[in-house]
N, C-alpha and C. Protein backbone atom coordinates (compact mmCIF):
# COMPACT_ATOMS: atom_id res chain seq x y z
N MET A 1 -16.74 31.55 -1.32
CA MET A 1 -18.11 31.64 -0.86
C MET A 1 -18.76 32.87 -1.47
N SER A 2 -19.95 32.73 -1.95
CA SER A 2 -20.67 33.81 -2.61
C SER A 2 -21.54 34.58 -1.62
N SER A 3 -21.65 35.89 -1.79
CA SER A 3 -22.52 36.69 -0.93
C SER A 3 -23.88 36.88 -1.60
N LYS A 4 -24.14 36.14 -2.66
CA LYS A 4 -25.42 36.22 -3.37
C LYS A 4 -26.54 35.69 -2.47
N ASN A 5 -27.65 36.42 -2.42
CA ASN A 5 -28.80 36.01 -1.62
C ASN A 5 -29.54 34.90 -2.34
N ASN A 6 -29.57 33.72 -1.75
CA ASN A 6 -30.24 32.57 -2.35
C ASN A 6 -31.62 32.32 -1.74
N ASN A 7 -32.08 33.22 -0.85
CA ASN A 7 -33.39 33.06 -0.26
C ASN A 7 -34.46 33.29 -1.31
N LYS A 8 -35.36 32.34 -1.42
CA LYS A 8 -36.43 32.43 -2.41
C LYS A 8 -37.76 32.54 -1.68
N LEU A 9 -38.59 33.46 -2.13
CA LEU A 9 -39.94 33.59 -1.61
C LEU A 9 -40.88 32.78 -2.48
N ASN A 10 -41.89 32.16 -1.87
CA ASN A 10 -42.88 31.42 -2.65
C ASN A 10 -43.67 32.36 -3.54
N VAL A 11 -43.85 33.60 -3.08
CA VAL A 11 -44.55 34.62 -3.86
C VAL A 11 -43.57 35.76 -4.07
N PRO A 12 -42.89 35.80 -5.21
CA PRO A 12 -41.86 36.82 -5.44
C PRO A 12 -42.35 38.26 -5.25
N GLU A 13 -43.64 38.49 -5.49
CA GLU A 13 -44.20 39.83 -5.33
C GLU A 13 -44.21 40.28 -3.87
N ALA A 14 -43.98 39.37 -2.94
CA ALA A 14 -44.02 39.68 -1.51
C ALA A 14 -42.68 40.22 -1.00
N ARG A 15 -41.68 40.30 -1.85
CA ARG A 15 -40.33 40.74 -1.43
C ARG A 15 -40.37 42.09 -0.71
N GLU A 16 -41.06 43.07 -1.28
CA GLU A 16 -41.11 44.41 -0.69
C GLU A 16 -41.77 44.38 0.69
N ALA A 17 -42.86 43.64 0.82
CA ALA A 17 -43.55 43.55 2.11
C ALA A 17 -42.66 42.85 3.15
N MET A 18 -41.94 41.82 2.73
CA MET A 18 -41.05 41.12 3.66
C MET A 18 -39.90 42.02 4.08
N ASP A 19 -39.40 42.83 3.17
CA ASP A 19 -38.33 43.76 3.52
C ASP A 19 -38.81 44.80 4.53
N ARG A 20 -40.04 45.31 4.34
CA ARG A 20 -40.61 46.26 5.31
C ARG A 20 -40.79 45.59 6.67
N PHE A 21 -41.29 44.36 6.66
CA PHE A 21 -41.50 43.60 7.89
C PHE A 21 -40.18 43.39 8.62
N LYS A 22 -39.15 43.06 7.89
CA LYS A 22 -37.82 42.86 8.47
C LYS A 22 -37.31 44.15 9.12
N MET A 23 -37.50 45.28 8.43
CA MET A 23 -37.07 46.58 8.97
C MET A 23 -37.84 46.92 10.25
N GLU A 24 -39.16 46.66 10.26
CA GLU A 24 -39.97 46.91 11.46
C GLU A 24 -39.46 46.09 12.64
N CYS A 25 -39.20 44.81 12.40
CA CYS A 25 -38.73 43.92 13.47
C CYS A 25 -37.35 44.35 13.95
N ALA A 26 -36.49 44.75 13.05
CA ALA A 26 -35.15 45.21 13.44
C ALA A 26 -35.26 46.45 14.32
N ASN A 27 -36.16 47.35 13.96
CA ASN A 27 -36.37 48.56 14.74
C ASN A 27 -36.87 48.21 16.15
N GLU A 28 -37.77 47.22 16.24
CA GLU A 28 -38.34 46.81 17.53
C GLU A 28 -37.27 46.27 18.48
N VAL A 29 -36.27 45.58 17.94
CA VAL A 29 -35.24 44.99 18.80
C VAL A 29 -33.99 45.86 18.87
N GLY A 30 -34.05 47.05 18.26
CA GLY A 30 -32.95 48.00 18.36
C GLY A 30 -31.75 47.72 17.48
N VAL A 31 -31.97 47.04 16.36
CA VAL A 31 -30.88 46.76 15.42
C VAL A 31 -30.98 47.76 14.26
N ASP A 32 -29.88 48.44 13.99
CA ASP A 32 -29.84 49.42 12.91
C ASP A 32 -29.61 48.71 11.58
N LEU A 33 -30.70 48.38 10.92
CA LEU A 33 -30.66 47.67 9.65
C LEU A 33 -30.78 48.68 8.53
N LYS A 34 -29.98 48.50 7.50
CA LYS A 34 -30.09 49.39 6.34
C LYS A 34 -30.49 48.56 5.13
N GLU A 35 -30.98 49.22 4.11
CA GLU A 35 -31.36 48.51 2.89
C GLU A 35 -30.11 47.97 2.22
N GLY A 36 -30.22 46.81 1.63
CA GLY A 36 -29.08 46.20 0.96
C GLY A 36 -28.30 45.29 1.90
N TYR A 37 -27.02 45.22 1.67
CA TYR A 37 -26.14 44.32 2.41
C TYR A 37 -25.92 44.78 3.84
N ASN A 38 -26.06 43.87 4.80
CA ASN A 38 -25.88 44.16 6.21
C ASN A 38 -24.87 43.20 6.83
N GLY A 39 -23.78 42.96 6.14
CA GLY A 39 -22.78 42.00 6.57
C GLY A 39 -22.05 42.37 7.84
N GLU A 40 -22.17 43.62 8.30
CA GLU A 40 -21.48 44.03 9.51
C GLU A 40 -22.27 43.64 10.77
N LEU A 41 -23.48 43.12 10.62
CA LEU A 41 -24.26 42.71 11.78
C LEU A 41 -23.62 41.51 12.46
N THR A 42 -23.71 41.48 13.78
CA THR A 42 -23.23 40.31 14.50
C THR A 42 -24.27 39.20 14.37
N SER A 43 -23.87 38.00 14.68
CA SER A 43 -24.81 36.87 14.65
C SER A 43 -25.95 37.11 15.63
N ARG A 44 -25.63 37.69 16.77
CA ARG A 44 -26.66 37.98 17.77
C ARG A 44 -27.69 38.96 17.22
N GLN A 45 -27.22 40.01 16.55
CA GLN A 45 -28.15 41.00 16.00
C GLN A 45 -29.03 40.38 14.91
N ALA A 46 -28.42 39.65 14.01
CA ALA A 46 -29.18 39.02 12.93
C ALA A 46 -30.18 38.02 13.50
N GLY A 47 -29.75 37.27 14.50
CA GLY A 47 -30.64 36.30 15.13
C GLY A 47 -31.79 36.95 15.86
N SER A 48 -31.55 38.10 16.47
CA SER A 48 -32.64 38.77 17.19
C SER A 48 -33.67 39.31 16.20
N VAL A 49 -33.23 39.77 15.03
CA VAL A 49 -34.18 40.24 14.02
C VAL A 49 -35.01 39.05 13.52
N GLY A 50 -34.35 37.96 13.17
CA GLY A 50 -35.07 36.77 12.70
C GLY A 50 -36.00 36.21 13.75
N GLY A 51 -35.55 36.20 15.00
CA GLY A 51 -36.38 35.71 16.09
C GLY A 51 -37.61 36.57 16.29
N GLN A 52 -37.45 37.89 16.17
CA GLN A 52 -38.59 38.79 16.31
C GLN A 52 -39.58 38.58 15.17
N MET A 53 -39.07 38.33 13.97
CA MET A 53 -39.95 38.07 12.83
C MET A 53 -40.78 36.81 13.07
N VAL A 54 -40.13 35.75 13.53
CA VAL A 54 -40.83 34.49 13.79
C VAL A 54 -41.85 34.69 14.91
N LYS A 55 -41.46 35.38 15.96
CA LYS A 55 -42.37 35.63 17.09
C LYS A 55 -43.64 36.33 16.62
N ARG A 56 -43.47 37.38 15.79
CA ARG A 56 -44.64 38.12 15.31
C ARG A 56 -45.49 37.27 14.36
N MET A 57 -44.86 36.43 13.54
CA MET A 57 -45.63 35.56 12.65
C MET A 57 -46.45 34.55 13.44
N ILE A 58 -45.86 33.99 14.49
CA ILE A 58 -46.57 33.03 15.33
C ILE A 58 -47.73 33.71 16.05
N GLU A 59 -47.48 34.91 16.60
CA GLU A 59 -48.55 35.65 17.27
C GLU A 59 -49.70 35.93 16.31
N SER A 60 -49.37 36.31 15.09
CA SER A 60 -50.39 36.59 14.09
C SER A 60 -51.21 35.35 13.77
N TYR A 61 -50.53 34.22 13.60
CA TYR A 61 -51.22 32.98 13.30
C TYR A 61 -52.11 32.55 14.46
N GLU A 62 -51.59 32.65 15.69
CA GLU A 62 -52.38 32.25 16.86
C GLU A 62 -53.62 33.12 17.02
N SER A 63 -53.49 34.42 16.77
CA SER A 63 -54.65 35.30 16.91
C SER A 63 -55.68 35.05 15.82
N SER A 64 -55.24 34.54 14.67
CA SER A 64 -56.19 34.23 13.60
C SER A 64 -56.97 32.94 13.88
N MET A 65 -56.49 32.14 14.82
CA MET A 65 -57.16 30.87 15.16
C MET A 65 -58.29 31.08 16.16
N LYS A 66 -58.39 32.26 16.75
CA LYS A 66 -59.42 32.52 17.78
C LYS A 66 -60.77 32.69 17.18
């Protein structure tokens, strides 16, 4: 199994912004995320970061509909 990141962004230039967003969300949920590989995270920690990202994206979209 490869540890290569296969996640592709539709806009490759957005990588830096997405990384900052991920770090902000990790900080909000109390997960100590570092730049680069974070393979020591538990599934719960990784899921809470992803869940926080989705939550904030949905909130942003809903507020733009008002």
